[in-house]
Protein backbone atom coordinates (compact mmCIF):
# COMPACT_ATOMS: atom_id res chain seq x y z
CA MET A 1 -0.31 -0.12 0.13
CA LYS A 2 3.24 2.55 0.78
CA LYS A 3 4.47 1.66 -2.35
CA ALA A 4 1.06 2.38 -4.05
CA LEU A 5 0.59 5.82 -2.00
CA PHE A 6 4.25 6.79 -3.31
CA THR A 7 3.68 6.23 -6.98
CA LEU A 8 0.09 7.97 -7.02
CA THR A 9 2.33 10.71 -4.87
CA LEU A 10 5.00 10.75 -7.76
CA MET A 11 2.42 10.91 -10.58
CA ALA A 12 0.78 13.94 -9.14
CA SER A 13 3.94 15.71 -9.04
CA PHE A 14 4.26 15.19 -12.64
CA GLY A 15 0.20 16.19 -12.91
CA SER A 16 0.78 20.09 -13.40
CA SER A 17 2.78 19.01 -16.78
CA ALA A 18 0.19 16.64 -17.74
CA SER A 19 -2.30 17.40 -20.17
CA GLY A 20 -5.32 14.48 -19.29
CA LEU A 21 -5.90 11.51 -17.31
CA HIS A 22 -5.56 7.82 -18.89
CA LEU A 23 -8.41 5.20 -17.84
CA SER A 24 -7.97 1.62 -19.21
CA PRO A 25 -10.25 -1.42 -18.37
CA GLU A 26 -9.30 -4.83 -18.86
CA LEU A 27 -9.96 -8.41 -19.24
CA LYS A 28 -7.58 -11.11 -18.43
CA PHE A 29 -7.37 -14.80 -19.58
CA GLY A 30 -5.32 -17.22 -17.87
CA PRO A 31 -3.66 -19.39 -16.46
CA TYR A 32 -5.51 -22.58 -17.20
CA VAL A 33 -7.22 -22.31 -20.87
CA GLY A 34 -11.31 -23.51 -19.99
CA SER A 35 -11.04 -23.75 -16.47
CA GLY A 36 -13.69 -20.77 -15.69
CA ASN A 37 -11.09 -18.26 -14.79
CA LEU A 38 -10.92 -14.99 -15.56
CA GLY A 39 -9.70 -11.74 -14.52
CA ALA A 40 -9.77 -8.19 -14.73
CA GLY A 41 -7.53 -4.93 -14.20
CA LEU A 42 -7.37 -1.12 -14.30
CA GLN A 43 -4.92 1.35 -15.48
CA VAL A 44 -5.02 4.94 -13.91
CA GLY A 45 -2.81 7.55 -14.62
CA ILE A 46 -2.07 10.76 -16.67
CA THR A 47 -0.97 11.70 -20.14
CA ASP A 48 1.46 13.54 -22.19
CA VAL A 49 4.25 13.46 -19.21
CA LEU A 50 7.71 12.96 -19.53
CA GLY A 51 7.71 12.63 -23.35
CA LEU A 52 5.38 9.63 -22.53
CA ASP A 53 1.62 8.99 -23.97
CA ALA A 54 0.63 7.91 -20.15
CA LEU A 55 2.43 6.85 -17.25
CA TYR A 56 0.01 5.24 -14.87
CA VAL A 57 -0.58 2.49 -12.17
CA SER A 58 -1.76 -0.62 -12.91
CA TYR A 59 -3.79 -3.25 -10.53
CA SER A 60 -5.04 -6.41 -12.21
CA HIS A 61 -7.14 -9.78 -10.24
CA THR A 62 -7.14 -13.06 -11.96
CA SER A 63 -8.97 -16.21 -10.70
CA ALA A 64 -9.16 -19.93 -11.50
CA LYS A 65 -10.57 -22.87 -10.59
CA VAL A 66 -9.52 -26.36 -11.62
CA LEU A 67 -10.64 -29.77 -10.25
CA THR A 68 -9.62 -29.07 -6.14
CA ASP A 69 -7.37 -26.35 -6.68
CA LYS A 70 -8.07 -22.49 -6.38
CA ASP A 71 -5.53 -19.92 -7.70
CA ARG A 72 -5.73 -16.14 -7.18
CA LEU A 73 -3.16 -13.73 -8.65
CA LYS A 74 -2.98 -10.11 -8.34
CA THR A 75 -0.75 -7.75 -9.77
CA TYR A 76 0.58 -4.30 -8.70
CA ARG A 77 2.78 -2.16 -11.65
CA ILE A 78 3.62 0.94 -13.01
CA GLY A 79 3.50 1.40 -16.36
CA ALA A 80 4.20 3.86 -19.40
CA GLN A 81 2.63 4.24 -22.87
CA TYR A 82 4.71 5.45 -25.76
CA HIS A 83 3.01 5.76 -29.49
CA LEU A 84 5.48 4.98 -32.31
CA THR A 85 6.39 8.34 -34.36
CA GLN A 86 6.60 6.95 -37.68
CA ALA A 87 3.17 5.30 -36.81
CA PRO A 88 0.96 7.45 -34.52
CA MET A 89 -2.02 5.14 -34.22
CA ILE A 90 0.32 2.38 -33.23
CA GLY A 91 1.98 2.46 -29.66
CA PHE A 92 2.89 -0.03 -26.72
CA GLN A 93 2.79 -0.58 -23.47
CA VAL A 94 5.30 -1.70 -21.00
CA GLU A 95 4.62 -2.22 -16.87
CA ILE A 96 6.74 -3.74 -13.99
CA GLY A 97 5.92 -4.49 -10.46
CA GLY A 98 4.63 -7.07 -8.28
CA VAL A 99 2.12 -10.21 -7.96
CA LYS A 100 0.94 -11.60 -5.06
CA TYR A 101 -0.29 -15.37 -5.16
CA GLU A 102 -2.56 -17.18 -3.38
CA GLY A 103 -4.06 -20.54 -3.56
CA SER A 104 -5.68 -23.54 -1.69
CA ARG A 105 -6.04 -27.15 -2.64
CA HIS A 106 -8.86 -29.55 -1.28
CA TYR A 107 -9.23 -33.25 -1.43
CA ILE A 108 -11.90 -35.32 -0.07
CA PHE A 109 -10.40 -36.94 3.04
CA SER A 110 -7.74 -34.44 3.75
CA PRO A 111 -7.74 -31.14 5.28
CA LYS A 112 -7.66 -27.68 2.94
CA GLU A 113 -4.16 -26.73 2.36
CA TYR A 114 -2.80 -23.09 1.40
CA ARG A 115 -0.24 -21.52 -0.06
CA ASP A 116 0.80 -18.02 -0.91
CA GLY A 117 4.04 -16.49 -2.19
CA SER A 118 4.75 -13.22 -3.83
CA GLY A 119 7.15 -12.64 -6.98
CA VAL A 120 7.71 -10.09 -9.58
CA SER A 121 5.17 -9.00 -12.54
CA ALA A 122 5.95 -7.79 -16.23
CA ALA A 123 3.35 -6.69 -19.01
CA GLY A 124 3.47 -5.70 -22.44
CA ALA A 125 1.11 -4.31 -25.30
CA TRP A 126 0.17 -3.22 -27.95
CA VAL A 127 -2.22 -0.16 -28.51
CA LEU A 128 -4.01 0.90 -31.65
CA GLN A 129 -4.98 4.47 -30.88
CA VAL A 130 -8.60 5.07 -33.11
CA ASN A 131 -8.82 8.49 -31.86
CA ASP A 132 -7.53 11.05 -29.67
CA SER A 133 -9.89 9.69 -26.82
CA LEU A 134 -9.92 5.83 -27.72
CA GLY A 135 -7.49 3.17 -28.01
CA PHE A 136 -7.53 -0.83 -28.14
CA ARG A 137 -5.02 -2.46 -26.59
CA ALA A 138 -3.52 -6.54 -26.40
CA GLY A 139 -1.24 -7.73 -24.70
CA ILE A 140 0.82 -10.45 -22.41
CA ASP A 141 1.65 -10.65 -18.58
CA ILE A 142 4.03 -12.26 -17.42
CA ASN A 143 4.57 -13.40 -13.55
CA PHE A 144 7.19 -14.88 -11.43
CA VAL A 145 6.51 -16.86 -8.17
CA ASP A 146 8.70 -19.49 -6.72
CA LYS A 147 7.00 -22.57 -7.57
CA LYS A 148 7.52 -24.15 -4.32
CA ASP A 149 5.11 -21.47 -2.58
CA THR A 150 2.01 -22.09 -5.19
CA TYR A 151 -0.02 -25.05 -6.61
CA LEU A 152 0.87 -23.84 -10.47
CA ASN A 153 3.39 -26.35 -12.55
CA SER A 154 5.73 -23.50 -13.04
CA ASP A 155 7.36 -20.45 -11.62
CA PHE A 156 6.12 -18.73 -14.55
CA SER A 157 2.52 -17.72 -15.31
CA THR A 158 1.08 -15.76 -18.09
CA THR A 159 -2.17 -14.12 -18.73
CA PHE A 160 -3.50 -12.41 -21.76
CA ASN A 161 -4.93 -9.04 -21.77
CA THR A 162 -7.21 -7.24 -23.83
CA GLY A 163 -8.92 -3.78 -23.05
CA VAL A 164 -9.83 -0.08 -24.21
CA THR A 165 -7.40 2.96 -23.31
CA LEU A 166 -9.37 5.83 -22.78
CA ARG A 167 -7.78 9.29 -22.43
CA PHE A 168 -9.84 12.60 -20.94
């Protein structure tokens, strides 16, 4: 929470030179295909600062249930969006931050087991800017949490994301 507050304070200090607000809701899919897992996220930040199209903080939450396992990933990142000068309709986003994993497993004749861990999270996305206010984006998140702290099959988990970018 302190890191998020620090980031928001830092962004507010740049706010005097920013020209607007960046808002981007998203949907996430993964890490298991077809398991009823779905996630959502939100980017909130400022536009036209430090030579970037947007500087923002990002939060997302993805849950999955497979047989007896329940997994939840929460990410907290800081990110930037930059549009290519050669093709102003095309841009990209880069984010870096942390991930928190919480999971449980319950077999019929045994007590419920819990695991949790934290790690590093990164994301990248392509943005297609339709006009000054609206854009569409698609990308991938990559999270690293030590496998011994999770019920996942690997240290790495990925989610695909899609969303819209709104500029006010």
